[in-house]
Protein backbone atom coordinates (compact mmCIF):
# COMPACT_ATOMS: atom_id res chain seq x y z
CA MET A 1 0.00 0.00 0.00
CA SER A 2 1.38 3.39 -1.02
CA SER A 3 1.62 6.33 1.38
CA ARG A 4 -0.90 8.20 -0.80
CA ASP A 5 -3.53 5.47 -0.39
CA LEU A 6 -2.87 5.25 3.34
CA THR A 7 -3.23 9.03 3.72
CA PHE A 8 -6.51 9.17 1.82
CA GLY A 9 -7.73 6.09 3.67
CA MET A 10 -7.14 7.78 7.03
CA ILE A 11 -8.79 11.00 5.83
CA PHE A 12 -11.86 9.10 4.57
CA LEU A 13 -12.01 7.17 7.85
CA LEU A 14 -11.85 10.39 9.90
CA GLN A 15 -14.46 12.10 7.73
CA THR A 16 -16.80 9.12 7.94
CA THR A 17 -16.43 8.76 11.71
CA VAL A 18 -17.00 12.45 12.43
CA GLY A 19 -19.92 12.61 10.01
CA VAL A 20 -21.63 9.52 11.43
CA LEU A 21 -21.27 10.73 15.03
CA GLY A 22 -22.55 14.23 14.22
CA ASN A 23 -25.49 13.16 12.06
CA PHE A 24 -26.65 10.31 14.29
CA SER A 25 -26.49 12.56 17.37
CA LEU A 26 -28.60 15.17 15.60
CA LEU A 27 -30.91 12.47 14.21
CA PHE A 28 -31.68 10.99 17.63
CA TRP A 29 -32.30 14.45 19.05
CA TYR A 30 -34.82 15.42 16.34
CA ILE A 31 -36.54 12.02 16.53
CA PHE A 32 -36.89 12.59 20.28
CA LEU A 33 -38.40 16.04 19.65
CA TYR A 34 -40.73 14.69 16.97
CA PHE A 35 -42.22 11.87 19.06
CA THR A 36 -42.48 13.71 22.38
CA GLU A 37 -44.99 16.29 23.45
CA CYS A 38 -42.42 19.07 23.17
CA LYS A 39 -43.43 21.87 20.84
CA SER A 40 -41.14 21.63 17.84
CA ARG A 41 -40.53 24.03 14.97
CA SER A 42 -41.97 23.22 11.57
CA THR A 43 -38.46 23.09 10.12
CA ASN A 44 -37.50 20.21 12.44
CA LEU A 45 -39.14 17.69 10.08
CA ILE A 46 -37.06 19.03 7.17
CA VAL A 47 -33.86 18.88 9.24
CA LEU A 48 -34.76 15.31 10.25
CA HIS A 49 -34.95 14.23 6.60
CA LEU A 50 -31.78 16.20 5.80
CA THR A 51 -29.94 14.32 8.55
CA VAL A 52 -31.18 10.94 7.30
CA ALA A 53 -30.03 11.82 3.77
CA ASN A 54 -26.61 12.92 5.10
CA CYS A 55 -26.23 9.60 6.93
CA MET A 56 -26.98 7.75 3.69
CA VAL A 57 -24.37 9.77 1.78
CA ILE A 58 -21.65 9.27 4.40
CA LEU A 59 -22.26 5.54 4.94
CA ALA A 60 -22.71 4.69 1.24
CA LYS A 61 -19.70 6.74 0.09
CA GLY A 62 -17.33 6.99 3.03
CA ILE A 63 -17.14 3.31 4.06
CA PRO A 64 -16.42 1.78 0.61
CA GLN A 65 -14.09 4.65 -0.27
CA THR A 66 -12.14 4.08 2.95
CA MET A 67 -11.94 0.33 2.37
CA ALA A 68 -10.83 0.79 -1.25
CA ALA A 69 -8.13 3.32 -0.26
CA LEU A 70 -6.83 1.02 2.48
CA GLY A 71 -6.46 -1.84 0.01
CA TRP A 72 -9.49 -3.96 0.93
CA LYS A 73 -9.89 -6.34 -2.01
CA ASP A 74 -13.03 -7.94 -3.47
CA PHE A 75 -15.32 -5.28 -2.03
CA PRO A 76 -18.00 -4.62 -3.05
CA ASN A 77 -19.48 -7.15 -5.47
CA ASP A 78 -21.74 -6.15 -8.37
CA PHE A 79 -24.90 -5.98 -6.26
CA GLY A 80 -23.12 -4.07 -3.48
CA CYS A 81 -21.71 -1.62 -6.00
CA LYS A 82 -25.14 -0.91 -7.51
CA PHE A 83 -26.77 -0.65 -4.08
CA LEU A 84 -24.14 1.69 -2.58
CA PHE A 85 -24.14 4.02 -5.59
CA TYR A 86 -27.94 4.11 -5.61
CA VAL A 87 -28.14 4.92 -1.88
CA HIS A 88 -25.46 7.59 -2.25
CA ARG A 89 -27.17 9.25 -5.22
CA VAL A 90 -30.60 9.24 -3.56
CA GLY A 91 -29.18 10.56 -0.27
CA ARG A 92 -27.25 13.28 -2.07
CA GLY A 93 -30.33 14.38 -4.00
CA VAL A 94 -32.58 14.43 -0.93
CA SER A 95 -29.88 16.35 0.98
CA ILE A 96 -29.89 19.06 -1.71
CA GLY A 97 -33.69 19.06 -1.91
CA SER A 98 -34.11 19.29 1.88
CA THR A 99 -31.69 22.23 2.07
CA CYS A 100 -33.68 23.91 -0.69
CA LEU A 101 -36.96 23.29 1.19
CA LEU A 102 -35.44 24.85 4.31
CA SER A 103 -34.72 28.09 2.47
CA ILE A 104 -38.16 28.16 0.83
CA PHE A 105 -40.05 27.50 4.06
CA GLN A 106 -37.99 29.99 6.05
CA ALA A 107 -38.49 32.68 3.42
CA ILE A 108 -42.25 32.13 3.67
CA THR A 109 -42.10 32.11 7.49
CA ILE A 110 -40.38 35.48 7.88
CA SER A 111 -42.25 37.22 5.05
CA PRO A 112 -44.64 40.03 6.07
CA ARG A 113 -48.28 38.93 6.32
CA ASN A 114 -49.38 41.36 3.61
CA SER A 115 -46.92 39.96 1.05
CA ARG A 116 -47.73 37.19 -1.43
CA TRP A 117 -45.45 34.73 0.41
CA GLY A 118 -46.85 35.76 3.78
CA LYS A 119 -50.30 34.53 2.75
CA LEU A 120 -48.89 30.99 2.45
CA LYS A 121 -47.64 30.79 6.07
CA VAL A 122 -50.51 28.63 7.34
CA LYS A 123 -50.63 26.36 4.28
CA ALA A 124 -46.84 25.90 4.00
CA SER A 125 -46.44 23.96 7.25
CA LYS A 126 -49.21 21.53 6.21
CA TYR A 127 -47.48 20.58 2.95
CA ILE A 128 -43.94 20.05 4.26
CA GLY A 129 -44.42 16.29 4.57
CA PHE A 130 -45.87 16.06 1.06
CA PHE A 131 -42.95 17.92 -0.54
CA LEU A 132 -40.41 15.82 1.38
CA PHE A 133 -42.16 12.64 0.19
CA LEU A 134 -42.14 13.99 -3.36
CA CYS A 135 -38.41 14.74 -3.06
CA TRP A 136 -37.64 11.16 -2.00
CA ILE A 137 -39.77 9.64 -4.78
CA LEU A 138 -38.27 11.91 -7.46
CA HIS A 139 -34.67 11.04 -6.63
CA MET A 140 -35.43 7.35 -6.17
CA LEU A 141 -36.93 7.21 -9.67
CA VAL A 142 -34.31 9.38 -11.39
CA ASN A 143 -31.38 7.35 -10.04
CA THR A 144 -32.87 3.89 -10.63
CA SER A 145 -31.49 3.35 -14.13
CA PHE A 146 -28.04 4.79 -13.29
CA SER A 147 -27.13 1.90 -10.99
CA MET A 148 -27.98 -0.68 -13.67
CA PHE A 149 -24.86 0.22 -15.68
CA LEU A 150 -22.46 -0.18 -12.75
CA THR A 151 -20.14 -3.11 -12.08
CA SER A 152 -17.63 -3.80 -9.37
CA ASN A 153 -13.95 -3.27 -10.14
CA TRP A 154 -13.33 -6.73 -8.72
CA SER A 155 -15.88 -8.30 -11.07
CA LYS A 156 -14.65 -10.88 -13.58
CA LYS A 157 -16.78 -9.41 -16.36
CA ASN A 158 -14.68 -8.27 -19.32
CA VAL A 159 -15.79 -4.69 -19.99
CA THR A 160 -13.40 -2.77 -22.22
CA ASN A 161 -15.17 0.60 -22.59
CA LYS A 162 -15.78 1.60 -18.98
CA LYS A 163 -15.37 4.59 -16.66
CA ASP A 164 -13.65 4.00 -13.33
CA TYR A 165 -15.14 5.45 -10.11
CA GLY A 166 -12.59 4.00 -7.69
CA TYR A 167 -14.28 0.83 -6.45
CA CYS A 168 -16.98 0.68 -9.16
CA SER A 169 -17.11 1.22 -12.90
CA SER A 170 -19.81 2.19 -15.36
CA VAL A 171 -20.22 1.20 -18.99
CA ARG A 172 -19.70 4.02 -21.51
CA HIS A 173 -22.41 4.55 -24.15
CA GLY A 174 -20.83 7.29 -26.22
CA LYS A 175 -20.35 10.98 -25.50
CA ALA A 176 -23.85 12.02 -26.61
CA SER A 177 -25.64 9.41 -24.50
CA ASP A 178 -23.44 9.98 -21.44
CA SER A 179 -23.86 13.77 -21.67
CA LEU A 180 -27.65 13.48 -22.04
CA TYR A 181 -27.90 11.15 -19.05
CA ALA A 182 -25.62 13.40 -16.98
CA LEU A 183 -27.96 16.33 -17.72
CA LEU A 184 -30.93 14.21 -16.62
CA LEU A 185 -29.26 13.36 -13.32
CA ALA A 186 -28.12 16.96 -12.75
CA PHE A 187 -31.46 18.62 -13.62
CA PRO A 188 -33.13 18.19 -10.16
CA ASP A 189 -29.95 19.41 -8.44
CA VAL A 190 -29.69 22.48 -10.67
CA VAL A 191 -33.36 23.36 -10.07
CA SER A 192 -32.94 22.93 -6.30
CA LEU A 193 -29.79 25.05 -6.28
CA GLY A 194 -31.46 27.81 -8.31
CA LEU A 195 -34.48 27.90 -5.98
CA MET A 196 -32.19 27.90 -2.96
CA LEU A 197 -30.19 30.91 -4.20
CA TRP A 198 -33.37 32.78 -5.12
CA PHE A 199 -35.09 32.27 -1.77
CA SER A 200 -31.85 32.87 0.14
CA SER A 201 -31.56 36.25 -1.58
CA SER A 202 -35.16 36.95 -0.55
CA ILE A 203 -34.32 36.02 3.05
CA VAL A 204 -31.35 38.41 3.10
CA TYR A 205 -33.52 41.20 1.67
CA ILE A 206 -36.29 40.60 4.25
CA LEU A 207 -33.80 40.49 7.12
CA GLN A 208 -32.18 43.72 5.94
CA ARG A 209 -35.53 45.51 5.86
CA HIS A 210 -36.43 44.08 9.28
CA LYS A 211 -33.10 45.24 10.70
CA GLN A 212 -33.73 48.79 9.48
CA ARG A 213 -37.15 48.83 11.19
CA VAL A 214 -35.74 47.41 14.43
CA GLN A 215 -32.99 50.05 14.50
CA HIS A 216 -35.64 52.78 14.61
CA ILE A 217 -37.55 51.01 17.40
CA HIS A 218 -34.49 50.12 19.50
CA MET A 219 -32.55 53.30 18.90
CA ASN A 220 -31.83 53.69 22.61
CA SER A 221 -31.29 49.99 23.26
CA VAL A 222 -27.70 48.78 23.65
CA SER A 223 -28.15 45.18 22.54
CA PRO A 224 -31.62 44.25 21.33
CA ARG A 225 -32.24 40.49 21.41
CA CYS A 226 -32.88 38.60 18.20
CA SER A 227 -36.23 36.87 17.78
CA PRO A 228 -36.36 33.05 17.44
CA GLU A 229 -37.35 33.46 13.77
CA THR A 230 -34.29 35.63 13.13
CA ARG A 231 -31.95 33.16 14.84
CA ALA A 232 -33.45 30.25 12.88
CA THR A 233 -33.11 32.23 9.65
CA GLN A 234 -29.46 33.02 10.37
CA THR A 235 -28.81 29.32 11.02
CA ILE A 236 -30.37 28.35 7.70
CA LEU A 237 -28.36 31.02 5.86
CA VAL A 238 -25.12 29.72 7.40
CA LEU A 239 -26.12 26.16 6.45
CA GLU A 240 -26.90 27.18 2.87
CA SER A 241 -23.64 29.15 2.55
CA THR A 242 -21.77 26.05 3.72
CA PHE A 243 -23.68 23.95 1.22
CA VAL A 244 -23.00 26.26 -1.74
CA CYS A 245 -19.29 26.42 -0.87
CA PHE A 246 -18.79 22.65 -0.64
CA TYR A 247 -21.20 21.87 -3.50
CA THR A 248 -19.32 24.23 -5.83
CA CYS A 249 -16.01 22.53 -5.00
CA SER A 250 -17.62 19.11 -5.49
CA VAL A 251 -19.07 20.07 -8.86
CA ILE A 252 -15.71 21.38 -10.07
CA PHE A 253 -14.00 18.08 -9.25
CA GLN A 254 -16.90 16.05 -10.68
CA VAL A 255 -16.66 17.98 -13.97
CA PHE A 256 -12.95 17.16 -14.24
CA VAL A 257 -13.68 13.50 -13.46
CA SER A 258 -16.41 13.41 -16.13
CA VAL A 259 -14.33 15.17 -18.81
CA MET A 260 -11.17 13.08 -18.35
CA TYR A 261 -11.27 9.64 -19.95
CA HIS A 262 -9.00 8.09 -17.29
CA PRO A 263 -8.97 10.41 -14.24
CA SER A 264 -6.06 10.03 -11.84
CA PRO A 265 -6.54 8.42 -8.40
CA TRP A 266 -5.72 11.78 -6.79
CA LEU A 267 -8.59 13.44 -8.63
CA MET A 268 -10.99 10.59 -7.86
CA ASN A 269 -10.15 10.72 -4.15
CA LEU A 270 -10.47 14.53 -3.99
CA ALA A 271 -13.85 14.36 -5.76
CA ALA A 272 -15.10 11.77 -3.25
CA LEU A 273 -13.67 13.76 -0.33
CA THR A 274 -15.38 17.04 -1.30
CA ALA A 275 -18.66 15.18 -1.93
CA GLY A 276 -18.71 14.14 1.73
CA CYS A 277 -17.79 17.53 3.22
CA PHE A 278 -21.28 19.04 3.49
CA PRO A 279 -22.93 15.92 5.02
CA THR A 280 -20.09 15.83 7.57
CA VAL A 281 -20.07 19.53 8.49
CA SER A 282 -23.82 20.35 8.35
CA PRO A 283 -24.85 18.67 11.66
CA PHE A 284 -22.22 20.69 13.55
CA VAL A 285 -23.47 23.90 11.89
CA LEU A 286 -26.97 23.09 13.13
CA ILE A 287 -25.75 22.05 16.60
CA THR A 288 -23.70 25.21 17.17
CA HIS A 289 -26.52 27.51 16.02
CA ASP A 290 -29.42 25.68 17.71
CA SER A 291 -29.50 26.63 21.39
CA SER A 292 -31.58 23.62 22.47
CA VAL A 293 -29.23 21.13 20.81
CA SER A 294 -26.17 22.98 22.14
CA ARG A 295 -27.51 22.85 25.70
CA LEU A 296 -28.17 19.13 25.38
CA CYS A 297 -24.66 18.47 24.02
CA PHE A 298 -22.97 20.52 26.74
CA ALA A 299 -25.07 18.81 29.44
CA TRP A 300 -24.10 15.39 28.05
CA ILE A 301 -20.41 16.39 27.94
CA ARG A 302 -20.50 17.61 31.57
CA LYS A 303 -22.30 14.45 32.65
CA THR A 304 -19.78 12.24 30.85
CA ILE A 305 -16.56 14.06 31.68
CA SER A 306 -17.21 15.29 35.24
CA PRO A 307 -17.21 11.82 36.92
CA HIS A 308 -13.87 11.03 35.26
CA LEU A 309 -12.36 14.30 36.49
CA ILE A 310 -13.61 13.69 40.03
CA ARG A 311 -12.30 10.13 39.95
CA ASN A 312 -8.87 11.26 38.76
CA THR A 313 -8.57 13.93 41.43
């Protein structure tokens, strides 16, 4: 095993471990909120689905990528390759769609009541579950045929014209067919990204106008407190900025991988690494900006660490 493979293997292992711990911690917390009598925000259901999608991306991409980089042979087989790629693609799509839904719903929530978006406040919360279900179904259908053309790199099938993805390969069907299918797969993501940027711009505009009004009201106040809606909106804006940053880097590497006939292992590993950055980082963005989750985490840390400190002293 080369030092390059060992380095990338350790990086993938660290990214997968951190991402799994962060997402599963957040997942259990939102499941607890959802099934208890505690009053939860309408966006909690969207964040719950976002966290599930992030777990799918990390587990389906991080584990096989780590094993392949560390030299694990004969993994996965053809069925495992198709299944892992399908789960990763669906999770990635739902992650993008859920982030887009967060920006749309938050823009509607903070809109003035006399605006056209403000009139949808009551109806929007009722249709969150429907749009999340539609998002899952759409990405499950779109990515079904993609996995059919995949084979394991350890398969004994003799395929000459293939494209290598590290631990799996896909059969090439010509530049025109591959480009058309790539556009089909990218279309939902491009639509979601466009809607996200549009509604995020609307959120920034609404917050700016609200800030100007508050400055007139609290002219003599030293430090006026932010409302819960404002704090939630700021959290979503930070999350979306993180998403756009990592997604842009991921797309750049994916374009190079798609254009090159035989991409180098360095490029393949960097493309896989950037694809897992947002699912790994996003739970910690939500934890640090959500006061209820932060209090729970700090209480758990004190409860876990304090007995050890007392015992050592």
